[in-house]
């Protein structure tokens, strides 16, 4: 490839004249923004151990009352982006949030989309636009852009969940902001029961909501059962995986990030091709070995890892007689909308 001119090759007076007019020559930086063959990448393969971060999260509960935190969260930051950027990948934010018994995290709404993957504990709930969503381990709860939401805890033990937001992208677009609110009036329990039978949804004549998110809570008990049924009915299927979708349209449940659950059968090894989107994997049950390029991690329950785009990922269930289950989040919906989604074999 042809070598391009450097900024230093230009006369200092010419560079000063450009700067005075807020102009920049492209050619010295062209290869940086359009590198040959593959993109430049800041996201690094990384794993966060829940056993190691949990004591620090519990200590945060002792050091900072909820009134001083609003949301008591430890951010899972990828060092490739700089810890101060608080992002796991170019488009994904991750945070472990703690709610103690009796606490209430006040209502607000914001432009980034969020989901909550419940990690441990019972007795807490999230209220989303009047829908009370109970929190049990492995449940996925949506809080879409612009929806009021708050968290409360009526139980007796700490509750922890993993927040996944598209905050880095929304912030980059200069559209990230929050609006504070008052406690919501709970109108009804989350409505997932209406959508728990595959192939049927409420009648479109009278009952379709036309909401971007008609289903706010995806109970882990139902998702786990769906994975097991898929494995039983299709024993030769390449991957036992189900997607979290809008039950009325079949589309991704959110616009920017995609979410799915994966079952690794006993002793199974699954190799995923190198794809353009970055991916996050959170271990719900069991223990998995994850190889991302030249990096190898062992994920125990509640551990989380991040795989950059354009690297192959190999997953292995370390148990020979028990399945392993994981929650996946990736940037596929965004890449597909932009026309940049790519798979490299």
Foldseek 3Di string as FASTA:
>chain_A
DDDFDAPVVDDPVVVVVCVVVVHDDCGNCVCQCVPPPDHDALADWDKDACVVCVVVLVVLCVVDPCVRVLWSWDWPDGPSVPVVLQANGLFKTKIKTKDAAFDKRFKKFKAKKKKKQWADDFAKWKQWQQATEGDDHGKIFIRHHPIIMMMHGNDHGMTIIMMMIRVNVCVVVVRIDMGGDGDDHRDYYFDCVQQLDPPDHPDPVPDDPPDLANGGMDDRVSQVVQLVVCCVVCVPDQWSKDWDPRSVPRHASDQFKTKMKGKAAAFHKHKDFAKQKKKKKFWRAAWKWKDWAPDIDIHHHGMMIIHHGRTMMMITGPGNHDMTMIMMMIRVSNCVVVVNIDTDD
